[in-house]
PDB file of all heavy atoms in Angstrom:
ATOM      1  N   ILE A   1      98.328  86.423 114.904  1.00  0.00           N
ATOM      2  CA  ILE A   1      97.292  86.219 115.834  1.00  0.00           C
ATOM      3  C   ILE A   1      96.053  85.461 115.248  1.00  0.00           C
ATOM      4  O   ILE A   1      95.692  84.504 115.880  1.00  0.00           O
ATOM      5  CB  ILE A   1      96.768  87.527 116.460  1.00  0.00           C
ATOM      6  CG1 ILE A   1      97.911  88.259 117.198  1.00  0.00           C
ATOM      7  CG2 ILE A   1      95.582  87.354 117.303  1.00  0.00           C
ATOM      8  CD1 ILE A   1      97.639  89.649 117.623  1.00  0.00           C
ATOM      9  N   GLU A   2      95.686  85.719 114.001  1.00  0.00           N
ATOM     10  CA  GLU A   2      94.732  84.956 113.441  1.00  0.00           C
ATOM     11  C   GLU A   2      95.095  83.519 113.273  1.00  0.00           C
ATOM     12  O   GLU A   2      94.226  82.616 113.481  1.00  0.00           O
ATOM     13  CB  GLU A   2      94.301  85.639 112.089  1.00  0.00           C
ATOM     14  CG  GLU A   2      93.702  87.120 112.203  1.00  0.00           C
ATOM     15  CD  GLU A   2      92.943  87.394 110.938  1.00  0.00           C
ATOM     16  OE1 GLU A   2      92.740  86.611 109.928  1.00  0.00           O
ATOM     17  OE2 GLU A   2      92.393  88.555 110.874  1.00  0.00           O
ATOM     18  N   LEU A   3      96.298  83.288 112.825  1.00  0.00           N
ATOM     19  CA  LEU A   3      96.695  81.946 112.587  1.00  0.00           C
ATOM     20  C   LEU A   3      96.779  81.142 113.988  1.00  0.00           C
ATOM     21  O   LEU A   3      96.420  80.002 113.988  1.00  0.00           O
ATOM     22  CB  LEU A   3      98.126  81.850 111.988  1.00  0.00           C
ATOM     23  CG  LEU A   3      98.775  80.542 111.696  1.00  0.00           C
ATOM     24  CD1 LEU A   3      97.817  79.784 110.723  1.00  0.00           C
ATOM     25  CD2 LEU A   3     100.181  80.630 111.110  1.00  0.00           C
ATOM     26  N   GLY A   4      97.152  81.848 114.940  1.00  0.00           N
ATOM     27  CA  GLY A   4      97.209  81.359 116.311  1.00  0.00           C
ATOM     28  C   GLY A   4      95.850  80.954 116.829  1.00  0.00           C
ATOM     29  O   GLY A   4      95.595  79.832 117.377  1.00  0.00           O
ATOM     30  N   VAL A   5      94.911  81.842 116.615  1.00  0.00           N
ATOM     31  CA  VAL A   5      93.475  81.485 116.956  1.00  0.00           C
ATOM     32  C   VAL A   5      92.968  80.256 116.164  1.00  0.00           C
ATOM     33  O   VAL A   5      92.340  79.392 116.796  1.00  0.00           O
ATOM     34  CB  VAL A   5      92.549  82.761 116.735  1.00  0.00           C
ATOM     35  CG1 VAL A   5      91.088  82.322 116.934  1.00  0.00           C
ATOM     36  CG2 VAL A   5      92.928  83.921 117.644  1.00  0.00           C
ATOM     37  N   GLU A   6      93.256  80.160 114.968  1.00  0.00           N
ATOM     38  CA  GLU A   6      92.851  79.033 114.164  1.00  0.00           C
ATOM     39  C   GLU A   6      93.411  77.770 114.761  1.00  0.00           C
ATOM     40  O   GLU A   6      92.695  76.664 114.867  1.00  0.00           O
ATOM     41  CB  GLU A   6      93.311  79.176 112.687  1.00  0.00           C
ATOM     42  CG  GLU A   6      92.531  80.290 111.958  1.00  0.00           C
ATOM     43  CD  GLU A   6      93.037  80.551 110.571  1.00  0.00           C
ATOM     44  OE1 GLU A   6      94.072  79.811 110.142  1.00  0.00           O
ATOM     45  OE2 GLU A   6      92.700  81.511 109.956  1.00  0.00           O
ATOM     46  N   LYS A   7      94.739  77.727 115.073  1.00  0.00           N
ATOM     47  CA  LYS A   7      95.375  76.609 115.721  1.00  0.00           C
ATOM     48  C   LYS A   7      94.777  76.265 117.009  1.00  0.00           C
ATOM     49  O   LYS A   7      94.527  75.053 117.343  1.00  0.00           O
ATOM     50  CB  LYS A   7      96.801  76.835 115.874  1.00  0.00           C
ATOM     51  CG  LYS A   7      97.641  76.890 114.590  1.00  0.00           C
ATOM     52  CD  LYS A   7      99.109  77.168 114.812  1.00  0.00           C
ATOM     53  CE  LYS A   7      99.898  77.225 113.561  1.00  0.00           C
ATOM     54  NZ  LYS A   7     101.402  77.495 113.826  1.00  0.00           N
ATOM     55  N   LEU A   8      94.461  77.278 117.854  1.00  0.00           N
ATOM     56  CA  LEU A   8      93.726  76.972 119.169  1.00  0.00           C
ATOM     57  C   LEU A   8      92.401  76.269 118.997  1.00  0.00           C
ATOM     58  O   LEU A   8      91.974  75.498 119.666  1.00  0.00           O
ATOM     59  CB  LEU A   8      93.620  78.236 119.937  1.00  0.00           C
ATOM     60  CG  LEU A   8      94.978  78.792 120.469  1.00  0.00           C
ATOM     61  CD1 LEU A   8      94.764  80.206 121.210  1.00  0.00           C
ATOM     62  CD2 LEU A   8      95.641  77.946 121.545  1.00  0.00           C
ATOM     63  N   LEU A   9      91.608  76.789 118.020  1.00  0.00           N
ATOM     64  CA  LEU A   9      90.326  76.232 117.698  1.00  0.00           C
ATOM     65  C   LEU A   9      90.491  74.842 117.197  1.00  0.00           C
ATOM     66  O   LEU A   9      89.657  73.891 117.610  1.00  0.00           O
ATOM     67  CB  LEU A   9      89.702  77.103 116.636  1.00  0.00           C
ATOM     68  CG  LEU A   9      89.198  78.564 117.034  1.00  0.00           C
ATOM     69  CD1 LEU A   9      88.717  79.235 115.753  1.00  0.00           C
ATOM     70  CD2 LEU A   9      88.165  78.485 118.089  1.00  0.00           C
ATOM     71  N   ASP A  10      91.521  74.544 116.391  1.00  0.00           N
ATOM     72  CA  ASP A  10      91.706  73.145 115.988  1.00  0.00           C
ATOM     73  C   ASP A  10      92.050  72.250 117.112  1.00  0.00           C
ATOM     74  O   ASP A  10      91.732  70.998 117.028  1.00  0.00           O
ATOM     75  CB  ASP A  10      92.863  73.062 114.948  1.00  0.00           C
ATOM     76  CG  ASP A  10      92.485  73.781 113.497  1.00  0.00           C
ATOM     77  OD1 ASP A  10      91.223  73.855 113.329  1.00  0.00           O
ATOM     78  OD2 ASP A  10      93.303  74.125 112.783  1.00  0.00           O
ATOM     79  N   CYS A  11      92.645  72.797 118.091  1.00  0.00           N
ATOM     80  CA  CYS A  11      93.091  71.946 119.217  1.00  0.00           C
ATOM     81  C   CYS A  11      91.950  71.852 120.261  1.00  0.00           C
ATOM     82  O   CYS A  11      92.101  71.164 121.405  1.00  0.00           O
ATOM     83  CB  CYS A  11      94.264  72.666 119.985  1.00  0.00           C
ATOM     84  SG  CYS A  11      95.800  72.483 119.035  1.00  0.00           S
ATOM     85  N   GLY A  12      90.803  72.433 120.045  1.00  0.00           N
ATOM     86  CA  GLY A  12      89.653  72.245 120.882  1.00  0.00           C
ATOM     87  C   GLY A  12      89.662  72.927 122.149  1.00  0.00           C
ATOM     88  O   GLY A  12      89.288  72.401 123.258  1.00  0.00           O
ATOM     89  N   VAL A  13      90.333  74.128 122.254  1.00  0.00           N
ATOM     90  CA  VAL A  13      90.329  74.864 123.640  1.00  0.00           C
ATOM     91  C   VAL A  13      88.955  75.350 123.901  1.00  0.00           C
ATOM     92  O   VAL A  13      88.095  75.599 123.018  1.00  0.00           O
ATOM     93  CB  VAL A  13      91.400  76.040 123.552  1.00  0.00           C
ATOM     94  CG1 VAL A  13      92.762  75.525 123.311  1.00  0.00           C
ATOM     95  CG2 VAL A  13      90.941  77.077 122.565  1.00  0.00           C
ATOM     96  N   ASP A  14      88.682  75.520 125.136  1.00  0.00           N
ATOM     97  CA  ASP A  14      87.379  76.094 125.629  1.00  0.00           C
ATOM     98  C   ASP A  14      87.460  77.534 126.175  1.00  0.00           C
ATOM     99  O   ASP A  14      86.483  78.148 126.614  1.00  0.00           O
ATOM    100  CB  ASP A  14      86.665  75.204 126.651  1.00  0.00           C
ATOM    101  CG  ASP A  14      87.511  74.801 127.735  1.00  0.00           C
ATOM    102  OD1 ASP A  14      88.513  75.575 127.975  1.00  0.00           O
ATOM    103  OD2 ASP A  14      87.206  73.848 128.460  1.00  0.00           O
ATOM    104  N   CYS A  15      88.722  78.075 126.120  1.00  0.00           N
ATOM    105  CA  CYS A  15      88.941  79.472 126.536  1.00  0.00           C
ATOM    106  C   CYS A  15      90.319  79.967 125.971  1.00  0.00           C
ATOM    107  O   CYS A  15      91.214  79.200 125.868  1.00  0.00           O
ATOM    108  CB  CYS A  15      89.021  79.583 128.103  1.00  0.00           C
ATOM    109  SG  CYS A  15      89.414  81.158 128.795  1.00  0.00           S
ATOM    110  N   ILE A  16      90.401  81.178 125.601  1.00  0.00           N
ATOM    111  CA  ILE A  16      91.551  81.733 125.039  1.00  0.00           C
ATOM    112  C   ILE A  16      91.961  82.875 126.025  1.00  0.00           C
ATOM    113  O   ILE A  16      91.308  83.804 126.183  1.00  0.00           O
ATOM    114  CB  ILE A  16      91.459  82.199 123.629  1.00  0.00           C
ATOM    115  CG1 ILE A  16      91.090  81.193 122.618  1.00  0.00           C
ATOM    116  CG2 ILE A  16      92.737  82.958 123.200  1.00  0.00           C
ATOM    117  CD1 ILE A  16      90.787  81.656 121.246  1.00  0.00           C
ATOM    118  N   ALA A  17      93.170  82.671 126.589  1.00  0.00           N
ATOM    119  CA  ALA A  17      93.778  83.641 127.558  1.00  0.00           C
ATOM    120  C   ALA A  17      94.780  84.419 126.744  1.00  0.00           C
ATOM    121  O   ALA A  17      95.685  83.908 126.162  1.00  0.00           O
ATOM    122  CB  ALA A  17      94.405  83.083 128.778  1.00  0.00           C
ATOM    123  N   CYS A  18      94.598  85.830 126.638  1.00  0.00           N
ATOM    124  CA  CYS A  18      95.481  86.685 125.850  1.00  0.00           C
ATOM    125  C   CYS A  18      96.492  87.317 126.751  1.00  0.00           C
ATOM    126  O   CYS A  18      96.144  87.726 127.803  1.00  0.00           O
ATOM    127  CB  CYS A  18      94.646  87.676 125.113  1.00  0.00           C
ATOM    128  SG  CYS A  18      93.223  86.985 124.168  1.00  0.00           S
ATOM    129  N   LEU A  19      97.728  87.454 126.306  1.00  0.00           N
ATOM    130  CA  LEU A  19      98.739  87.988 127.191  1.00  0.00           C
ATOM    131  C   LEU A  19      98.649  89.549 127.427  1.00  0.00           C
ATOM    132  O   LEU A  19      99.249  90.073 128.285  1.00  0.00           O
ATOM    133  CB  LEU A  19     100.111  87.594 126.738  1.00  0.00           C
ATOM    134  CG  LEU A  19     100.641  86.346 127.359  1.00  0.00           C
ATOM    135  CD1 LEU A  19     100.249  85.086 126.517  1.00  0.00           C
ATOM    136  CD2 LEU A  19     102.110  86.306 127.534  1.00  0.00           C
ATOM    137  N   ASP A  20      97.992  90.196 126.522  1.00  0.00           N
ATOM    138  CA  ASP A  20      97.690  91.610 126.678  1.00  0.00           C
ATOM    139  C   ASP A  20      96.520  92.024 126.032  1.00  0.00           C
ATOM    140  O   ASP A  20      95.798  91.280 125.329  1.00  0.00           O
ATOM    141  CB  ASP A  20      98.923  92.427 126.238  1.00  0.00           C
ATOM    142  CG  ASP A  20      99.196  92.432 124.828  1.00  0.00           C
ATOM    143  OD1 ASP A  20      98.368  92.480 123.976  1.00  0.00           O
ATOM    144  OD2 ASP A  20     100.445  92.181 124.457  1.00  0.00           O
ATOM    145  N   ASP A  21      96.088  93.268 126.236  1.00  0.00           N
ATOM    146  CA  ASP A  21      94.890  93.853 125.734  1.00  0.00           C
ATOM    147  C   ASP A  21      94.834  93.968 124.109  1.00  0.00           C
ATOM    148  O   ASP A  21      93.797  93.648 123.590  1.00  0.00           O
ATOM    149  CB  ASP A  21      94.561  95.273 126.284  1.00  0.00           C
ATOM    150  CG  ASP A  21      95.873  96.154 126.251  1.00  0.00           C
ATOM    151  OD1 ASP A  21      96.899  95.651 125.868  1.00  0.00           O
ATOM    152  OD2 ASP A  21      95.646  97.359 126.482  1.00  0.00           O
ATOM    153  N   SER A  22      95.929  94.335 123.579  1.00  0.00           N
ATOM    154  CA  SER A  22      96.029  94.437 122.130  1.00  0.00           C
ATOM    155  C   SER A  22      95.738  93.035 121.421  1.00  0.00           C
ATOM    156  O   SER A  22      94.906  93.009 120.537  1.00  0.00           O
ATOM    157  CB  SER A  22      97.402  94.981 121.612  1.00  0.00           C
ATOM    158  OG  SER A  22      97.542  94.913 120.274  1.00  0.00           O
ATOM    159  N   VAL A  23      96.455  92.078 121.924  1.00  0.00           N
ATOM    160  CA  VAL A  23      96.216  90.644 121.410  1.00  0.00           C
ATOM    161  C   VAL A  23      94.667  90.284 121.546  1.00  0.00           C
ATOM    162  O   VAL A  23      94.144  89.692 120.668  1.00  0.00           O
ATOM    163  CB  VAL A  23      97.167  89.692 122.040  1.00  0.00           C
ATOM    164  CG1 VAL A  23      96.818  88.206 121.677  1.00  0.00           C
ATOM    165  CG2 VAL A  23      98.597  89.965 121.611  1.00  0.00           C
ATOM    166  N   CYS A  24      94.267  90.630 122.733  1.00  0.00           N
ATOM    167  CA  CYS A  24      92.767  90.285 123.042  1.00  0.00           C
ATOM    168  C   CYS A  24      91.849  90.865 121.988  1.00  0.00           C
ATOM    169  O   CYS A  24      90.902  90.206 121.586  1.00  0.00           O
ATOM    170  CB  CYS A  24      92.462  90.608 124.455  1.00  0.00           C
ATOM    171  SG  CYS A  24      90.811  90.039 125.055  1.00  0.00           S
ATOM    172  N   ALA A  25      91.999  92.091 121.716  1.00  0.00           N
ATOM    173  CA  ALA A  25      91.175  92.858 120.650  1.00  0.00           C
ATOM    174  C   ALA A  25      91.276  92.117 119.411  1.00  0.00           C
ATOM    175  O   ALA A  25      90.292  91.894 118.711  1.00  0.00           O
ATOM    176  CB  ALA A  25      91.599  94.293 120.653  1.00  0.00           C
ATOM    177  N   HIS A  26      92.550  91.702 118.917  1.00  0.00           N
ATOM    178  CA  HIS A  26      92.606  90.943 117.670  1.00  0.00           C
ATOM    179  C   HIS A  26      91.999  89.639 117.690  1.00  0.00           C
ATOM    180  O   HIS A  26      91.394  89.154 116.720  1.00  0.00           O
ATOM    181  CB  HIS A  26      94.113  90.804 117.293  1.00  0.00           C
ATOM    182  CG  HIS A  26      94.650  92.092 116.891  1.00  0.00           C
ATOM    183  ND1 HIS A  26      94.260  92.903 115.775  1.00  0.00           N
ATOM    184  CD2 HIS A  26      95.751  92.776 117.327  1.00  0.00           C
ATOM    185  CE1 HIS A  26      95.085  93.829 115.500  1.00  0.00           C
ATOM    186  NE2 HIS A  26      95.967  93.936 116.489  1.00  0.00           N
ATOM    187  N   VAL A  27      92.103  88.865 118.920  1.00  0.00           N
ATOM    188  CA  VAL A  27      91.405  87.599 119.092  1.00  0.00           C
ATOM    189  C   VAL A  27      89.953  87.722 118.914  1.00  0.00           C
ATOM    190  O   VAL A  27      89.232  86.950 118.292  1.00  0.00           O
ATOM    191  CB  VAL A  27      91.820  87.006 120.393  1.00  0.00           C
ATOM    192  CG1 VAL A  27      90.953  85.791 120.707  1.00  0.00           C
ATOM    193  CG2 VAL A  27      93.286  86.656 120.388  1.00  0.00           C
ATOM    194  N   LEU A  28      89.357  88.806 119.607  1.00  0.00           N
ATOM    195  CA  LEU A  28      87.867  88.955 119.493  1.00  0.00           C
ATOM    196  C   LEU A  28      87.433  89.322 118.039  1.00  0.00           C
ATOM    197  O   LEU A  28      86.438  88.800 117.677  1.00  0.00           O
ATOM    198  CB  LEU A  28      87.500  90.165 120.482  1.00  0.00           C
ATOM    199  CG  LEU A  28      87.719  89.815 121.874  1.00  0.00           C
ATOM    200  CD1 LEU A  28      87.607  91.141 122.764  1.00  0.00           C
ATOM    201  CD2 LEU A  28      86.644  88.811 122.460  1.00  0.00           C
ATOM    202  N   HIS A  29      88.322  89.960 117.360  1.00  0.00           N
ATOM    203  CA  HIS A  29      87.853  90.280 116.008  1.00  0.00           C
ATOM    204  C   HIS A  29      87.945  89.042 115.107  1.00  0.00           C
ATOM    205  O   HIS A  29      86.977  88.801 114.245  1.00  0.00           O
ATOM    206  CB  HIS A  29      88.922  91.348 115.445  1.00  0.00           C
ATOM    207  CG  HIS A  29      88.629  91.730 114.027  1.00  0.00           C
ATOM    208  ND1 HIS A  29      87.564  92.419 113.589  1.00  0.00           N
ATOM    209  CD2 HIS A  29      89.442  91.359 112.874  1.00  0.00           C
ATOM    210  CE1 HIS A  29      87.611  92.608 112.261  1.00  0.00           C
ATOM    211  NE2 HIS A  29      88.759  91.984 111.882  1.00  0.00           N
ATOM    212  N   LYS A  30      88.961  88.211 115.290  1.00  0.00           N
ATOM    213  CA  LYS A  30      89.089  87.029 114.593  1.00  0.00           C
ATOM    214  C   LYS A  30      87.807  86.124 114.901  1.00  0.00           C
ATOM    215  O   LYS A  30      87.252  85.416 113.938  1.00  0.00           O
ATOM    216  CB  LYS A  30      90.328  86.295 114.943  1.00  0.00           C
ATOM    217  CG  LYS A  30      90.499  84.846 114.311  1.00  0.00           C
ATOM    218  CD  LYS A  30      90.469  84.875 112.835  1.00  0.00           C
ATOM    219  CE  LYS A  30      90.737  83.488 112.334  1.00  0.00           C
ATOM    220  NZ  LYS A  30      90.719  83.345 110.784  1.00  0.00           N
ATOM    221  N   LEU A  31      87.423  85.903 116.163  1.00  0.00           N
ATOM    222  CA  LEU A  31      86.341  85.053 116.571  1.00  0.00           C
ATOM    223  C   LEU A  31      85.083  85.605 115.859  1.00  0.00           C
ATOM    224  O   LEU A  31      84.143  84.803 115.536  1.00  0.00           O
ATOM    225  CB  LEU A  31      86.172  85.128 117.976  1.00  0.00           C
ATOM    226  CG  LEU A  31      87.363  84.344 118.831  1.00  0.00           C
ATOM    227  CD1 LEU A  31      87.155  84.471 120.280  1.00  0.00           C
ATOM    228  CD2 LEU A  31      87.310  82.870 118.390  1.00  0.00           C
ATOM    229  N   GLN A  32      84.901  86.960 115.887  1.00  0.00           N
ATOM    230  CA  GLN A  32      83.764  87.505 115.202  1.00  0.00           C
ATOM    231  C   GLN A  32      83.727  87.226 113.709  1.00  0.00           C
ATOM    232  O   GLN A  32      82.646  86.915 113.136  1.00  0.00           O
ATOM    233  CB  GLN A  32      83.811  89.027 115.387  1.00  0.00           C
ATOM    234  CG  GLN A  32      82.502  89.669 114.880  1.00  0.00           C
ATOM    235  CD  GLN A  32      82.584  91.272 115.223  1.00  0.00           C
ATOM    236  OE1 GLN A  32      83.575  91.837 115.110  1.00  0.00           O
ATOM    237  NE2 GLN A  32      81.379  91.820 115.494  1.00  0.00           N
ATOM    238  N   LYS A  33      84.816  87.167 113.002  1.00  0.00           N
ATOM    239  CA  LYS A  33      84.891  86.917 111.669  1.00  0.00           C
ATOM    240  C   LYS A  33      84.520  85.444 111.386  1.00  0.00           C
ATOM    241  O   LYS A  33      83.929  85.108 110.388  1.00  0.00           O
ATOM    242  CB  LYS A  33      86.341  87.174 111.218  1.00  0.00           C
ATOM    243  CG  LYS A  33      86.675  88.628 110.840  1.00  0.00           C
ATOM    244  CD  LYS A  33      88.180  88.791 110.492  1.00  0.00           C
ATOM    245  CE  LYS A  33      88.523  87.973 109.216  1.00  0.00           C
ATOM    246  NZ  LYS A  33      89.991  88.202 108.873  1.00  0.00           N
ATOM    247  N   GLU A  34      84.832  84.560 112.301  1.00  0.00           N
ATOM    248  CA  GLU A  34      84.586  83.119 112.207  1.00  0.00           C
ATOM    249  C   GLU A  34      83.118  82.858 112.780  1.00  0.00           C
ATOM    250  O   GLU A  34      82.794  81.704 112.868  1.00  0.00           O
ATOM    251  CB  GLU A  34      85.601  82.372 112.939  1.00  0.00           C
ATOM    252  CG  GLU A  34      87.019  82.533 112.498  1.00  0.00           C
ATOM    253  CD  GLU A  34      87.177  81.998 111.133  1.00  0.00           C
ATOM    254  OE1 GLU A  34      86.552  80.955 110.710  1.00  0.00           O
ATOM    255  OE2 GLU A  34      88.013  82.553 110.291  1.00  0.00           O
ATOM    256  N   ASN A  35      82.394  83.839 113.129  1.00  0.00           N
ATOM    257  CA  ASN A  35      81.043  83.737 113.674  1.00  0.00           C
ATOM    258  C   ASN A  35      81.081  82.814 114.916  1.00  0.00           C
ATOM    259  O   ASN A  35      80.110  81.927 115.109  1.00  0.00           O
ATOM    260  CB  ASN A  35      80.088  83.138 112.637  1.00  0.00           C
ATOM    261  CG  ASN A  35      79.892  84.171 111.461  1.00  0.00           C
ATOM    262  OD1 ASN A  35      79.606  85.354 111.645  1.00  0.00           O
ATOM    263  ND2 ASN A  35      79.920  83.628 110.212  1.00  0.00           N
ATOM    264  N   ILE A  36      82.005  82.927 115.685  1.00  0.00           N
ATOM    265  CA  ILE A  36      82.073  82.174 116.980  1.00  0.00           C
ATOM    266  C   ILE A  36      81.630  83.114 118.192  1.00  0.00           C
ATOM    267  O   ILE A  36      82.356  84.175 118.378  1.00  0.00           O
ATOM    268  CB  ILE A  36      83.490  81.595 117.232  1.00  0.00           C
ATOM    269  CG1 ILE A  36      83.904  80.642 116.119  1.00  0.00           C
ATOM    270  CG2 ILE A  36      83.690  80.966 118.652  1.00  0.00           C
ATOM    271  CD1 ILE A  36      85.310  80.151 116.193  1.00  0.00           C
ATOM    272  N   ARG A  37      80.658  82.811 118.805  1.00  0.00           N
ATOM    273  CA  ARG A  37      80.183  83.649 119.851  1.00  0.00           C
ATOM    274  C   ARG A  37      80.890  83.566 121.219  1.00  0.00           C
ATOM    275  O   ARG A  37      81.239  82.399 121.551  1.00  0.00           O
ATOM    276  CB  ARG A  37      78.587  83.459 120.045  1.00  0.00           C
ATOM    277  CG  ARG A  37      77.710  83.652 118.808  1.00  0.00           C
ATOM    278  CD  ARG A  37      76.285  83.148 119.122  1.00  0.00           C
ATOM    279  NE  ARG A  37      76.198  81.693 119.307  1.00  0.00           N
ATOM    280  CZ  ARG A  37      75.294  81.105 120.008  1.00  0.00           C
ATOM    281  NH1 ARG A  37      74.254  81.816 120.459  1.00  0.00           N
ATOM    282  NH2 ARG A  37      75.265  79.828 120.241  1.00  0.00           N
ATOM    283  N   VAL A  38      80.989  84.744 121.826  1.00  0.00           N
ATOM    284  CA  VAL A  38      81.669  84.746 123.091  1.00  0.00           C
ATOM    285  C   VAL A  38      80.546  85.293 124.107  1.00  0.00           C
ATOM    286  O   VAL A  38      79.908  86.290 123.810  1.00  0.00           O
ATOM    287  CB  VAL A  38      82.852  85.820 123.051  1.00  0.00           C
ATOM    288  CG1 VAL A  38      83.481  86.034 124.502  1.00  0.00           C
ATOM    289  CG2 VAL A  38      83.903  85.459 122.046  1.00  0.00           C
ATOM    290  N   PRO A  39      80.343  84.624 125.185  1.00  0.00           N
ATOM    291  CA  PRO A  39      81.074  83.424 125.679  1.00  0.00           C
ATOM    292  C   PRO A  39      80.474  82.064 125.257  1.00  0.00           C
ATOM    293  O   PRO A  39      80.936  81.041 125.855  1.00  0.00           O
ATOM    294  CB  PRO A  39      81.042  83.735 127.191  1.00  0.00           C
ATOM    295  CG  PRO A  39      79.677  84.249 127.422  1.00  0.00           C
ATOM    296  CD  PRO A  39      79.421  85.064 126.097  1.00  0.00           C
ATOM    297  N   GLU A  40      79.371  82.064 124.601  1.00  0.00           N
ATOM    298  CA  GLU A  40      78.621  80.861 124.417  1.00  0.00           C
ATOM    299  C   GLU A  40      79.412  79.773 123.665  1.00  0.00           C
ATOM    300  O   GLU A  40      79.324  78.481 124.086  1.00  0.00           O
ATOM    301  CB  GLU A  40      77.341  81.136 123.485  1.00  0.00           C
ATOM    302  CG  GLU A  40      76.299  81.999 124.108  1.00  0.00           C
ATOM    303  CD  GLU A  40      76.615  83.520 123.977  1.00  0.00           C
ATOM    304  OE1 GLU A  40      77.746  83.903 123.389  1.00  0.00           O
ATOM    305  OE2 GLU A  40      75.746  84.350 124.373  1.00  0.00           O
ATOM    306  N   GLU A  41      80.172  80.137 122.796  1.00  0.00           N
ATOM    307  CA  GLU A  41      81.050  79.147 122.040  1.00  0.00           C
ATOM    308  C   GLU A  41      82.499  79.190 122.447  1.00  0.00           C
ATOM    309  O   GLU A  41      83.180  78.174 122.216  1.00  0.00           O
ATOM    310  CB  GLU A  41      80.898  79.211 120.533  1.00  0.00           C
ATOM    311  CG  GLU A  41      79.453  78.984 120.132  1.00  0.00           C
ATOM    312  CD  GLU A  41      79.301  79.336 118.590  1.00  0.00           C
ATOM    313  OE1 GLU A  41      79.010  80.516 118.315  1.00  0.00           O
ATOM    314  OE2 GLU A  41      79.189  78.336 117.849  1.00  0.00           O
ATOM    315  N   MET A  42      82.979  80.272 122.939  1.00  0.00           N
ATOM    316  CA  MET A  42      84.375  80.476 123.308  1.00  0.00           C
ATOM    317  C   MET A  42      84.507  81.492 124.377  1.00  0.00           C
ATOM    318  O   MET A  42      84.014  82.626 124.243  1.00  0.00           O
ATOM    319  CB  MET A  42      85.304  80.779 122.098  1.00  0.00           C
ATOM    320  CG  MET A  42      86.761  80.915 122.469  1.00  0.00           C
ATOM    321  SD  MET A  42      87.454  79.391 123.061  1.00  0.00           S
ATOM    322  CE  MET A  42      87.364  78.367 121.595  1.00  0.00           C
ATOM    323  N   ARG A  43      85.202  81.180 125.461  1.00  0.00           N
ATOM    324  CA  ARG A  43      85.417  82.084 126.508  1.00  0.00           C
ATOM    325  C   ARG A  43      86.766  82.801 126.202  1.00  0.00           C
ATOM    326  O   ARG A  43      87.733  82.271 125.526  1.00  0.00           O
ATOM    327  CB  ARG A  43      85.596  81.525 127.939  1.00  0.00           C
ATOM    328  CG  ARG A  43      84.227  81.276 128.519  1.00  0.00           C
ATOM    329  CD  ARG A  43      83.799  79.928 128.276  1.00  0.00           C
ATOM    330  NE  ARG A  43      82.719  79.448 129.102  1.00  0.00           N
ATOM    331  CZ  ARG A  43      82.212  78.221 129.200  1.00  0.00           C
ATOM    332  NH1 ARG A  43      82.734  77.293 128.447  1.00  0.00           N
ATOM    333  NH2 ARG A  43      81.205  77.945 130.031  1.00  0.00           N
ATOM    334  N   VAL A  44      86.881  84.061 126.683  1.00  0.00           N
ATOM    335  CA  VAL A  44      88.086  84.941 126.354  1.00  0.00           C
ATOM    336  C   VAL A  44      88.405  85.754 127.602  1.00  0.00           C
ATOM    337  O   VAL A  44      87.510  86.159 128.256  1.00  0.00           O
ATOM    338  CB  VAL A  44      87.883  85.899 125.198  1.00  0.00           C
ATOM    339  CG1 VAL A  44      89.110  86.694 124.976  1.00  0.00           C
ATOM    340  CG2 VAL A  44      87.601  85.089 123.867  1.00  0.00           C
ATOM    341  N   ALA A  45      89.687  85.739 127.863  1.00  0.00           N
ATOM    342  CA  ALA A  45      90.169  86.615 128.967  1.00  0.00           C
ATOM    343  C   ALA A  45      91.516  87.344 128.622  1.00  0.00           C
ATOM    344  O   ALA A  45      92.244  86.794 127.700  1.00  0.00           O
ATOM    345  CB  ALA A  45      90.374  85.752 130.292  1.00  0.00           C
ATOM    346  N   SER A  46      91.817  88.348 129.295  1.00  0.00           N
ATOM    347  CA  SER A  46      92.947  89.143 128.936  1.00  0.00           C
ATOM    348  C   SER A  46      93.806  89.379 130.226  1.00  0.00           C
ATOM    349  O   SER A  46      93.357  89.655 131.324  1.00  0.00           O
ATOM    350  CB  SER A  46      92.767  90.581 128.428  1.00  0.00           C
ATOM    351  OG  SER A  46      93.772  91.378 128.211  1.00  0.00           O
ATOM    352  N   PHE A  47      95.259  89.145 130.024  1.00  0.00           N
ATOM    353  CA  PHE A  47      96.059  89.324 131.215  1.00  0.00           C
ATOM    354  C   PHE A  47      96.414  90.835 131.455  1.00  0.00           C
ATOM    355  O   PHE A  47      97.180  91.110 132.344  1.00  0.00           O
ATOM    356  CB  PHE A  47      97.301  88.595 131.055  1.00  0.00           C
ATOM    357  CG  PHE A  47      97.226  87.120 131.133  1.00  0.00           C
ATOM    358  CD1 PHE A  47      98.246  86.259 130.740  1.00  0.00           C
ATOM    359  CD2 PHE A  47      96.230  86.611 131.726  1.00  0.00           C
ATOM    360  CE1 PHE A  47      98.092  84.957 130.842  1.00  0.00           C
ATOM    361  CE2 PHE A  47      96.129  85.179 131.812  1.00  0.00           C
ATOM    362  CZ  PHE A  47      97.056  84.363 131.452  1.00  0.00           C
TER     363      PHE A  47
END
């Protein structure tokens, strides 16, 4: 998941949609580690 988030950031996405709640929790943790603010710098949603 962390590697996937890094690839999405490199691709310049403006939102990350997570296929479930567990993945979303990990995505949010990774963004926090990278000091990327939600939603100011990256939007996030969960399916």
